[in-house]
Amino acid sequence: MEARLPPSLSLPLPEDVLKNIVDKAKDWALMHGVCMRSKTNFTKDSLNFAPFALLPSTFPRREFERAVALQPAINELMHKVAHDHGFLEDSLKNTIKVDAFTGGLYKIYEKVRKEGYGQCVSLGLLRSDYLPQSYQDNIIKQVEVNSIASSFGGISSQLFDFHRYVLLELGHPEMLKNLPENTALSGLCNGMLQAWTIFNNNNAVILFVIEDVTYNICDQRFHEFEIRKLNPNVRVIRRTLTEIANTARLGANKELIVGGDTVAVVYFRAGYEPGHYPSQREWDARLLVELSTAIKCPSIHYHLAGTKKVQQSLAKPGCLERFLNDSKKIEAIREIFTGLYSLDLDAAGNAGVEKALADPDRYVMKPQREGGGNNVYGEDIRPALLEMRDSEERSAWILMDRIQPPVQANYIVRPGQSVTQPQDIVCELGIFGVVIGDDKHILTNKQVGHMLRSKLSSANEGGVAAGAGALDSPYLT
């Protein structure tokens, strides 16, 4: 029998109450930018509200606070991993032979190491994602750490006010104290502004690297507008990798010049999947950015530190001690790891393959990709593994214990779909962190906010931008 958490409010709501609050909630979302562009009827001239959970979802307070408290240690770990060449090389050596995309990133990393870093300071805007493990008293287990394009800090900050509004409209002011405030947007933007200050050129701009078509526009624009609000003197420009290839050059001192603008900080909201590099010119543009004096978020070594293969390496016994010397931090991080196994073409990888073939429902197979929609689950694992069993292609993947989160009821509201019944959902918590530093010093290290994504308990993938998830807020119990 599946484990359940009680919903934040007794469900179902009376029919007339439900209809009224859904109408108000949709309008609130549209009027406050909890929105995305439609993937089916794309136009720059209109927005749909992003899928959302009508009520905040129950989340164990103890585990929320654990994740928040742990984020600075996660930041420190990722920063040190990114600056450990031997570890990155060893972790990725098999993967880069068979995964052309990770191999392409690694080539850029090698070239930058050889030619010399134009900028030693990196900015990490990280998001560490967790699911509660239902059969272990709902303690959180880490799904992954996102080191590039860690999204929804902007919109998630709006969800705090959104769910306050919904609870007040439903007559429950006493519940507001259990909604934790969310400062993700200002926290992430202050991180970019601190990097801009470190660059020390008052006329320089912040460059957002964007996709050719941006569906998740509000989340990106919230960051842009917040930067202007926090410091009216800082300008943000937006360019695709193709546009950078056409208009960017390095100045006499390796400064990145796009059009007529010197760039202080590069914030990647694209560049994390093969489709963002349609030709060699986009790869050349990424290399140009990496060689420059601009502070990158993430720099290429940070990007590689966020790969699943590195995550799997970090879970090996004794590995955390390489990066951290505080036994309490090490123990706290080790506690959030779930089982992670290699699928390399060696004895350890063979053991991983046999595990997965024997009981595929216990596992998830993950490639080295971000952005959702790439994993293989349950019964689909067997045919996928049998096909690559004797090939080096296995090394492009890792195997992970499947986390079994508790289920709860909520209403999921999506554009164009009527809302009549509560549905069973599970919730994934993301904690945002900011870390700035070079290979010797960490200058800034903090936790800055959170997001909650919910998906139907029957769905495997949960990405909101990928179309399966819904935005939510934690209701702490």
Protein backbone atom coordinates (compact mmCIF):
# COMPACT_ATOMS: atom_id res chain seq x y z
CA MET A 1 0.00 0.00 0.00
CA GLU A 2 1.38 3.42 -0.96
CA ALA A 3 2.26 5.88 1.79
CA ARG A 4 0.11 9.01 1.96
CA LEU A 5 0.32 12.49 3.44
CA PRO A 6 -2.89 14.36 4.34
CA PRO A 7 -3.67 17.30 2.01
CA SER A 8 -3.26 20.80 3.45
CA LEU A 9 -7.08 21.21 3.40
CA SER A 10 -9.86 18.64 3.64
CA LEU A 11 -10.84 17.55 0.10
CA PRO A 12 -12.86 17.56 -2.08
CA LEU A 13 -13.95 21.21 -1.94
CA PRO A 14 -17.68 21.88 -2.56
CA GLU A 15 -18.35 22.25 -6.29
CA ASP A 16 -19.33 25.94 -6.19
CA VAL A 17 -16.35 26.82 -3.96
CA LEU A 18 -13.98 24.95 -6.30
CA LYS A 19 -15.26 26.66 -9.45
CA ASN A 20 -15.03 30.10 -7.84
CA ILE A 21 -11.50 29.66 -6.45
CA VAL A 22 -10.14 28.08 -9.66
CA ASP A 23 -11.38 31.08 -11.69
CA LYS A 24 -9.79 33.52 -9.24
CA ALA A 25 -6.57 31.50 -9.06
CA LYS A 26 -6.19 31.43 -12.87
CA ASP A 27 -6.64 35.21 -13.06
CA TRP A 28 -4.22 35.80 -10.16
CA ALA A 29 -1.62 33.64 -11.95
CA LEU A 30 -2.11 35.47 -15.26
CA MET A 31 -1.94 38.91 -13.62
CA HIS A 32 1.18 38.12 -11.54
CA GLY A 33 3.32 36.37 -14.15
CA VAL A 34 2.89 32.74 -13.04
CA CYS A 35 2.94 32.09 -16.76
CA MET A 36 4.65 30.47 -19.73
CA ARG A 37 4.27 30.73 -23.48
CA SER A 38 2.17 28.04 -25.10
CA LYS A 39 4.08 25.19 -26.75
CA THR A 40 1.08 24.31 -28.95
CA ASN A 41 0.04 27.84 -30.05
CA PHE A 42 3.31 29.73 -29.61
CA THR A 43 3.23 33.50 -30.03
CA LYS A 44 5.25 36.24 -28.36
CA ASP A 45 2.02 38.21 -27.92
CA SER A 46 0.29 36.04 -25.33
CA LEU A 47 0.86 33.91 -22.25
CA ASN A 48 -0.83 30.95 -20.61
CA PHE A 49 -0.71 30.48 -16.86
CA ALA A 50 1.83 27.81 -15.90
CA PRO A 51 0.31 24.57 -14.54
CA PHE A 52 -0.13 24.97 -10.78
CA ALA A 53 -1.35 23.12 -7.70
CA LEU A 54 -4.44 24.92 -6.41
CA LEU A 55 -3.55 24.36 -2.75
CA PRO A 56 -0.08 24.32 -1.19
CA SER A 57 1.08 20.72 -0.75
CA THR A 58 1.98 19.13 2.56
CA PHE A 59 5.72 18.72 3.15
CA PRO A 60 7.43 17.57 6.37
CA ARG A 61 8.79 20.67 8.15
CA ARG A 62 11.76 18.73 9.58
CA GLU A 63 12.86 17.69 6.08
CA PHE A 64 12.31 21.13 4.54
CA GLU A 65 14.50 22.65 7.26
CA ARG A 66 17.10 19.92 6.76
CA ALA A 67 17.33 20.71 3.02
CA VAL A 68 17.59 24.47 3.68
CA ALA A 69 20.32 24.00 6.29
CA LEU A 70 22.26 21.64 4.04
CA GLN A 71 22.46 23.90 0.98
CA PRO A 72 25.67 25.78 1.92
CA ALA A 73 27.45 22.41 2.32
CA ILE A 74 26.11 21.30 -1.10
CA ASN A 75 27.35 24.62 -2.58
CA GLU A 76 30.80 24.09 -1.08
CA LEU A 77 30.96 20.51 -2.32
CA MET A 78 29.96 21.45 -5.89
CA HIS A 79 32.44 24.34 -5.92
CA LYS A 80 35.30 22.07 -4.85
CA VAL A 81 34.30 19.30 -7.26
CA ALA A 82 34.27 21.81 -10.14
CA HIS A 83 37.85 22.81 -9.31
CA ASP A 84 39.21 19.26 -8.98
CA HIS A 85 40.48 18.38 -12.44
CA GLY A 86 41.61 14.87 -11.50
CA PHE A 87 38.19 14.01 -10.11
CA LEU A 88 36.26 15.37 -13.12
CA GLU A 89 38.61 13.58 -15.51
CA ASP A 90 38.34 10.29 -13.67
CA SER A 91 34.55 10.49 -13.26
CA LEU A 92 33.86 11.36 -16.90
CA LYS A 93 36.60 9.47 -18.78
CA ASN A 94 34.29 6.65 -19.96
CA THR A 95 31.23 8.81 -20.51
CA ILE A 96 32.94 11.31 -22.84
CA LYS A 97 33.94 8.47 -25.20
CA VAL A 98 30.32 7.49 -25.87
CA ASP A 99 28.23 10.59 -25.08
CA ALA A 100 29.00 13.12 -27.81
CA PHE A 101 27.36 16.02 -25.96
CA THR A 102 29.25 15.57 -22.67
CA GLY A 103 32.34 14.93 -24.79
CA GLY A 104 31.82 18.29 -26.53
CA LEU A 105 31.60 20.08 -23.19
CA TYR A 106 34.69 18.26 -21.97
CA LYS A 107 36.68 19.33 -25.08
CA ILE A 108 35.87 22.96 -24.27
CA TYR A 109 36.99 22.36 -20.68
CA GLU A 110 40.32 20.91 -21.91
CA LYS A 111 40.90 23.82 -24.30
CA VAL A 112 40.22 26.40 -21.59
CA ARG A 113 42.59 24.59 -19.20
CA LYS A 114 45.26 24.56 -21.88
CA GLU A 115 44.87 28.17 -23.02
CA GLY A 116 44.32 29.51 -19.50
CA TYR A 117 41.21 30.75 -17.73
CA GLY A 118 40.38 34.33 -18.70
CA GLN A 119 38.43 34.53 -15.44
CA CYS A 120 39.16 32.52 -12.30
CA VAL A 121 35.97 33.53 -10.45
CA SER A 122 32.83 31.46 -11.09
CA LEU A 123 29.22 32.06 -10.09
CA GLY A 124 27.11 29.05 -9.17
CA LEU A 125 23.33 29.44 -9.01
CA LEU A 126 22.56 25.88 -7.99
CA ARG A 127 19.38 23.97 -7.25
CA SER A 128 19.46 20.76 -5.24
CA ASP A 129 16.34 18.63 -5.77
CA TYR A 130 14.85 16.18 -3.27
CA LEU A 131 12.04 13.67 -2.89
CA PRO A 132 10.91 12.35 0.52
CA GLN A 133 11.49 8.59 0.82
CA SER A 134 8.16 7.26 2.11
CA TYR A 135 9.43 3.99 3.57
CA GLN A 136 12.16 5.80 5.56
CA ASP A 137 9.89 8.14 7.54
CA ASN A 138 9.81 10.61 4.60
CA ILE A 139 13.45 11.65 4.96
CA ILE A 140 14.61 13.57 1.90
CA LYS A 141 16.79 11.89 -0.73
CA GLN A 142 18.64 13.90 -3.37
CA VAL A 143 17.42 13.50 -6.95
CA GLU A 144 20.14 15.70 -8.50
CA VAL A 145 21.98 19.01 -8.32
CA ASN A 146 21.34 21.41 -11.20
CA SER A 147 24.37 23.54 -11.99
CA ILE A 148 23.11 25.12 -15.25
CA ALA A 149 19.86 26.98 -15.98
CA SER A 150 18.44 26.16 -12.52
CA SER A 151 14.98 27.48 -13.30
CA PHE A 152 11.79 28.61 -11.56
CA GLY A 153 13.43 30.81 -8.93
CA GLY A 154 11.51 33.73 -10.44
CA ILE A 155 8.04 32.21 -10.68
CA SER A 156 8.37 30.18 -7.46
CA SER A 157 8.83 33.40 -5.51
CA GLN A 158 5.35 34.42 -6.77
CA LEU A 159 3.82 31.12 -5.60
CA PHE A 160 4.27 32.14 -1.94
CA ASP A 161 1.90 35.10 -2.44
CA PHE A 162 -0.35 33.04 -4.72
CA HIS A 163 -1.01 30.34 -2.12
CA ARG A 164 -1.44 32.95 0.63
CA TYR A 165 -4.17 34.50 -1.53
CA VAL A 166 -5.87 31.13 -2.17
CA LEU A 167 -5.88 30.16 1.52
CA LEU A 168 -7.28 33.58 2.54
CA GLU A 169 -10.02 33.36 -0.11
CA LEU A 170 -10.94 29.92 1.23
CA GLY A 171 -11.19 31.39 4.75
CA HIS A 172 -8.05 29.93 6.34
CA PRO A 173 -5.82 32.79 7.60
CA GLU A 174 -4.59 30.51 10.42
CA MET A 175 -2.77 28.37 7.83
CA LEU A 176 -0.53 31.15 6.51
CA LYS A 177 2.10 30.63 9.21
CA ASN A 178 2.93 27.23 7.68
CA LEU A 179 3.91 28.69 4.28
CA PRO A 180 7.66 29.43 4.34
CA GLU A 181 8.61 32.75 2.75
CA ASN A 182 10.49 32.39 -0.53
CA THR A 183 13.28 34.83 -1.49
CA ALA A 184 14.66 32.81 -4.42
CA LEU A 185 14.31 35.60 -7.00
CA SER A 186 16.06 38.35 -5.04
CA GLY A 187 18.65 35.86 -3.75
CA LEU A 188 19.63 34.61 -7.22
CA CYS A 189 19.65 38.14 -8.69
CA ASN A 190 21.78 39.47 -5.84
CA GLY A 191 24.23 36.65 -6.67
CA MET A 192 24.47 37.89 -10.26
CA LEU A 193 24.85 41.49 -9.08
CA GLN A 194 27.61 40.53 -6.67
CA ALA A 195 29.46 38.85 -9.56
CA TRP A 196 28.86 42.01 -11.65
CA THR A 197 30.41 44.09 -8.83
CA ILE A 198 33.44 41.77 -8.64
CA PHE A 199 33.99 42.27 -12.40
CA ASN A 200 34.44 45.98 -11.59
CA ASN A 201 33.30 47.73 -14.76
CA ASN A 202 30.29 50.02 -14.25
CA ASN A 203 29.47 50.02 -17.97
CA ALA A 204 29.51 46.24 -18.41
CA VAL A 205 26.32 44.24 -18.93
CA ILE A 206 24.91 40.91 -17.79
CA LEU A 207 24.34 38.53 -20.71
CA PHE A 208 21.53 35.95 -20.55
CA VAL A 209 22.22 33.09 -22.99
CA ILE A 210 18.78 31.97 -24.15
CA GLU A 211 17.15 29.35 -26.37
CA ASP A 212 16.04 30.14 -29.92
CA VAL A 213 12.44 29.92 -28.68
CA THR A 214 11.79 30.70 -25.00
CA TYR A 215 8.65 29.16 -23.51
CA ASN A 216 9.60 29.79 -19.88
CA ILE A 217 9.79 33.53 -20.55
CA CYS A 218 8.37 34.88 -17.27
CA ASP A 219 10.89 33.05 -15.13
CA GLN A 220 13.73 34.60 -17.17
CA ARG A 221 12.20 38.08 -17.36
CA PHE A 222 11.53 38.12 -13.60
CA HIS A 223 15.31 37.82 -13.11
CA GLU A 224 15.99 40.55 -15.66
CA PHE A 225 13.45 42.97 -14.16
CA GLU A 226 14.59 42.20 -10.57
CA ILE A 227 18.20 42.99 -11.50
CA ARG A 228 17.09 46.37 -12.88
CA LYS A 229 15.05 46.98 -9.71
CA LEU A 230 17.90 46.04 -7.34
CA ASN A 231 20.48 48.06 -9.30
CA PRO A 232 19.03 50.44 -11.94
CA ASN A 233 22.52 50.93 -13.44
CA VAL A 234 22.87 47.31 -14.61
CA ARG A 235 21.66 46.38 -18.06
CA VAL A 236 20.73 42.83 -19.12
CA ILE A 237 21.06 41.71 -22.75
CA ARG A 238 19.67 38.42 -24.15
CA ARG A 239 21.35 36.43 -26.93
CA THR A 240 21.21 32.90 -28.32
CA LEU A 241 24.43 30.94 -28.85
CA THR A 242 23.91 31.52 -32.60
CA GLU A 243 23.68 35.29 -32.06
CA ILE A 244 26.79 35.18 -29.89
CA ALA A 245 28.59 33.34 -32.71
CA ASN A 246 27.58 36.16 -35.09
CA THR A 247 28.26 39.20 -32.92
CA ALA A 248 30.73 38.38 -30.12
CA ARG A 249 34.52 38.75 -30.02
CA LEU A 250 37.27 38.87 -27.45
CA GLY A 251 38.89 42.24 -26.74
CA ALA A 252 42.60 42.92 -26.27
CA ASN A 253 42.46 41.62 -22.68
CA LYS A 254 40.11 38.68 -23.40
CA GLU A 255 37.04 40.69 -22.40
CA LEU A 256 33.83 39.38 -23.98
CA ILE A 257 32.35 42.01 -26.28
CA VAL A 258 28.86 41.40 -27.72
CA GLY A 259 27.89 44.06 -30.26
CA GLY A 260 29.28 47.12 -28.50
CA ASP A 261 28.86 45.84 -24.94
CA THR A 262 31.49 44.45 -22.59
CA VAL A 263 30.02 41.52 -20.65
CA ALA A 264 30.62 41.20 -16.90
CA VAL A 265 28.48 38.13 -16.17
CA VAL A 266 27.14 35.38 -18.45
CA TYR A 267 24.02 33.61 -17.14
CA PHE A 268 23.28 30.45 -19.14
CA ARG A 269 19.58 29.67 -19.54
CA ALA A 270 20.47 27.56 -22.57
CA GLY A 271 23.43 25.40 -23.55
CA TYR A 272 22.52 22.36 -21.45
CA GLU A 273 21.24 20.09 -24.22
CA PRO A 274 22.41 19.05 -27.72
CA GLY A 275 19.59 20.93 -29.48
CA HIS A 276 21.07 24.24 -28.30
CA TYR A 277 24.14 23.57 -30.49
CA PRO A 278 22.73 23.06 -34.02
CA SER A 279 26.16 23.56 -35.65
CA GLN A 280 29.85 23.88 -34.81
CA ARG A 281 29.43 27.66 -34.61
CA GLU A 282 27.42 27.40 -31.37
CA TRP A 283 30.15 25.22 -29.85
CA ASP A 284 32.71 27.84 -30.94
CA ALA A 285 30.56 30.54 -29.31
CA ARG A 286 30.50 28.60 -26.03
CA LEU A 287 34.30 28.27 -26.18
CA LEU A 288 34.68 32.01 -26.85
CA VAL A 289 32.55 32.79 -23.76
CA GLU A 290 34.53 30.33 -21.63
CA LEU A 291 37.90 31.85 -22.67
CA SER A 292 36.76 35.37 -21.82
CA THR A 293 37.12 37.46 -18.65
CA ALA A 294 33.33 37.39 -18.07
CA ILE A 295 32.20 35.61 -14.90
CA LYS A 296 30.25 32.57 -16.04
CA CYS A 297 27.17 31.02 -14.42
CA PRO A 298 28.06 28.23 -14.78
CA SER A 299 31.64 28.08 -16.01
CA ILE A 300 32.38 24.95 -18.03
CA HIS A 301 33.89 23.09 -15.05
CA TYR A 302 30.79 23.88 -12.97
CA HIS A 303 28.61 22.57 -15.82
CA LEU A 304 30.55 19.28 -15.82
CA ALA A 305 30.36 19.06 -12.01
CA GLY A 306 26.56 18.92 -12.37
CA THR A 307 26.54 15.79 -14.55
CA LYS A 308 24.86 12.61 -13.29
CA LYS A 309 28.13 10.71 -13.65
CA VAL A 310 29.82 13.03 -11.17
CA GLN A 311 26.83 12.66 -8.82
CA GLN A 312 27.27 8.88 -8.99
CA SER A 313 31.03 9.18 -8.29
CA LEU A 314 30.37 11.35 -5.23
CA ALA A 315 28.19 8.64 -3.70
CA LYS A 316 31.11 6.16 -3.63
CA PRO A 317 32.35 5.28 -0.12
CA GLY A 318 35.00 7.71 1.13
CA CYS A 319 34.60 10.14 -1.79
CA LEU A 320 33.16 13.12 0.12
CA GLU A 321 36.24 13.18 2.36
CA ARG A 322 38.24 14.29 -0.70
CA PHE A 323 36.35 17.60 -0.72
CA LEU A 324 35.09 18.26 2.81
CA ASN A 325 36.92 17.97 6.12
CA ASP A 326 33.96 18.51 8.44
CA SER A 327 32.59 15.13 9.54
CA LYS A 328 29.15 16.59 10.36
CA LYS A 329 28.78 18.03 6.84
CA ILE A 330 29.97 14.76 5.29
CA GLU A 331 27.50 12.73 7.33
CA ALA A 332 24.62 15.13 6.55
CA ILE A 333 25.30 14.96 2.80
CA ARG A 334 25.81 11.20 2.81
CA GLU A 335 22.43 10.79 4.48
CA ILE A 336 20.61 12.42 1.53
CA PHE A 337 22.27 10.20 -1.10
CA THR A 338 20.24 7.36 -2.48
CA GLY A 339 21.86 4.34 -4.16
CA LEU A 340 23.78 5.40 -7.30
CA TYR A 341 25.48 2.81 -9.50
CA SER A 342 27.83 2.84 -12.46
CA LEU A 343 26.86 1.18 -15.75
CA ASP A 344 30.41 1.35 -17.15
CA LEU A 345 31.78 -1.60 -19.11
CA ASP A 346 33.62 -3.08 -16.11
CA ALA A 347 32.91 -5.29 -13.08
CA ALA A 348 31.09 -2.54 -11.12
CA GLY A 349 29.04 -1.63 -14.21
CA ASN A 350 28.18 -5.29 -14.86
CA ALA A 351 26.91 -5.55 -11.28
CA GLY A 352 24.75 -2.46 -11.91
CA VAL A 353 23.33 -4.00 -15.09
CA GLU A 354 22.46 -7.25 -13.30
CA LYS A 355 20.75 -5.31 -10.46
CA ALA A 356 18.60 -3.42 -12.94
CA LEU A 357 17.69 -6.46 -15.04
CA ALA A 358 16.73 -8.46 -11.94
CA ASP A 359 14.33 -5.82 -10.53
CA PRO A 360 13.87 -2.88 -12.92
CA ASP A 361 11.00 -1.32 -10.94
CA ARG A 362 13.44 -0.42 -8.16
CA TYR A 363 15.55 1.83 -10.40
CA VAL A 364 15.78 4.83 -12.72
CA MET A 365 18.31 5.05 -15.57
CA LYS A 366 19.65 8.56 -16.15
CA PRO A 367 21.71 9.99 -19.03
CA GLN A 368 23.93 13.10 -18.76
CA ARG A 369 21.16 15.58 -19.61
CA GLU A 370 19.30 18.45 -17.94
CA GLY A 371 15.83 19.83 -18.56
CA GLY A 372 13.64 16.79 -17.91
CA GLY A 373 12.16 14.09 -20.11
CA ASN A 374 15.31 11.99 -20.56
CA ASN A 375 15.18 9.23 -17.93
CA VAL A 376 14.16 5.57 -18.29
CA TYR A 377 11.93 4.00 -15.63
CA GLY A 378 10.73 0.60 -14.46
CA GLU A 379 9.90 -1.98 -17.11
CA ASP A 380 11.37 0.24 -19.87
CA ILE A 381 14.82 -0.29 -18.32
CA ARG A 382 15.09 -3.95 -19.32
CA PRO A 383 14.85 -3.54 -23.13
CA ALA A 384 17.00 -0.38 -23.01
CA LEU A 385 19.75 -2.16 -21.07
CA LEU A 386 19.59 -5.37 -23.09
CA GLU A 387 20.11 -3.33 -26.26
CA MET A 388 23.31 -1.71 -24.93
CA ARG A 389 24.44 -4.52 -22.63
CA ASP A 390 27.67 -5.28 -24.52
CA SER A 391 28.36 -1.77 -25.82
CA GLU A 392 30.28 1.15 -24.35
CA GLU A 393 27.12 3.21 -24.74
CA ARG A 394 26.27 2.02 -21.21
CA SER A 395 28.89 4.45 -19.85
CA ALA A 396 26.71 7.39 -20.89
CA TRP A 397 24.17 6.38 -18.24
CA ILE A 398 23.97 5.86 -14.47
CA LEU A 399 21.55 3.77 -12.42
CA MET A 400 19.80 5.21 -9.38
CA ASP A 401 17.55 3.70 -6.72
CA ARG A 402 14.01 4.83 -7.40
CA ILE A 403 12.75 7.05 -4.59
CA GLN A 404 9.17 6.26 -3.50
CA PRO A 405 7.67 9.56 -2.29
CA PRO A 406 4.41 9.73 -0.33
CA VAL A 407 1.23 10.52 -2.27
CA GLN A 408 -1.32 13.23 -1.43
CA ALA A 409 -4.43 14.71 -3.00
CA ASN A 410 -4.53 18.16 -4.63
CA TYR A 411 -6.13 19.91 -7.58
CA ILE A 412 -3.80 20.44 -10.57
CA VAL A 413 -4.88 23.36 -12.77
CA ARG A 414 -3.70 23.38 -16.39
CA PRO A 415 -4.62 25.66 -19.31
CA GLY A 416 -7.56 24.31 -21.30
CA GLN A 417 -8.44 21.54 -18.83
CA SER A 418 -11.43 21.54 -16.48
CA VAL A 419 -10.81 20.97 -12.77
CA THR A 420 -13.37 18.68 -11.13
CA GLN A 421 -11.63 16.14 -8.88
CA PRO A 422 -8.54 16.11 -6.67
CA GLN A 423 -5.74 13.96 -8.11
CA ASP A 424 -2.99 11.98 -6.44
CA ILE A 425 0.32 13.83 -6.67
CA VAL A 426 3.90 13.61 -5.39
CA CYS A 427 6.12 16.61 -4.64
CA GLU A 428 9.77 17.39 -5.38
CA LEU A 429 11.51 20.11 -3.38
CA GLY A 430 14.26 22.25 -4.91
CA ILE A 431 16.56 24.41 -2.76
CA PHE A 432 18.44 27.29 -4.41
CA GLY A 433 22.01 28.18 -3.48
CA VAL A 434 24.48 30.89 -4.52
CA VAL A 435 28.22 30.27 -4.44
CA ILE A 436 30.94 32.59 -5.80
CA GLY A 437 34.66 31.91 -5.72
CA ASP A 438 37.81 30.71 -7.45
CA ASP A 439 39.94 27.60 -7.06
CA LYS A 440 41.37 28.84 -3.74
CA HIS A 441 38.61 30.84 -2.00
CA ILE A 442 34.84 30.85 -1.65
CA LEU A 443 33.69 34.48 -1.46
CA THR A 444 29.93 33.89 -1.05
CA ASN A 445 28.03 30.79 -0.01
CA LYS A 446 24.35 30.86 0.91
CA GLN A 447 20.94 29.28 0.57
CA VAL A 448 18.52 31.74 -1.03
CA GLY A 449 15.11 30.14 -1.57
CA HIS A 450 13.14 27.12 -2.74
CA MET A 451 10.65 25.73 -5.22
CA LEU A 452 8.16 22.88 -5.08
CA ARG A 453 7.09 20.96 -8.16
CA SER A 454 4.27 18.47 -8.11
CA LYS A 455 3.32 15.82 -10.63
CA LEU A 456 0.68 13.13 -10.88
CA SER A 457 1.77 10.11 -8.87
CA SER A 458 1.33 8.02 -12.04
CA ALA A 459 3.77 10.21 -14.05
CA ASN A 460 7.49 9.43 -14.25
CA GLU A 461 8.89 12.79 -15.34
CA GLY A 462 8.13 15.94 -13.37
CA GLY A 463 9.60 18.93 -15.23
CA VAL A 464 7.24 21.93 -15.45
CA ALA A 465 8.98 23.36 -18.53
CA ALA A 466 8.96 19.86 -20.07
CA GLY A 467 5.19 19.77 -19.54
CA ALA A 468 4.59 17.11 -16.88
CA GLY A 469 4.85 19.00 -13.58
CA ALA A 470 2.96 21.79 -11.84
CA LEU A 471 4.23 24.67 -9.69
CA ASP A 472 3.45 24.39 -6.01
CA SER A 473 4.37 25.66 -2.52
CA PRO A 474 5.28 23.64 0.57
CA TYR A 475 2.79 23.62 3.44
CA LEU A 476 4.97 22.64 6.40
CA THR A 477 3.63 20.12 8.89
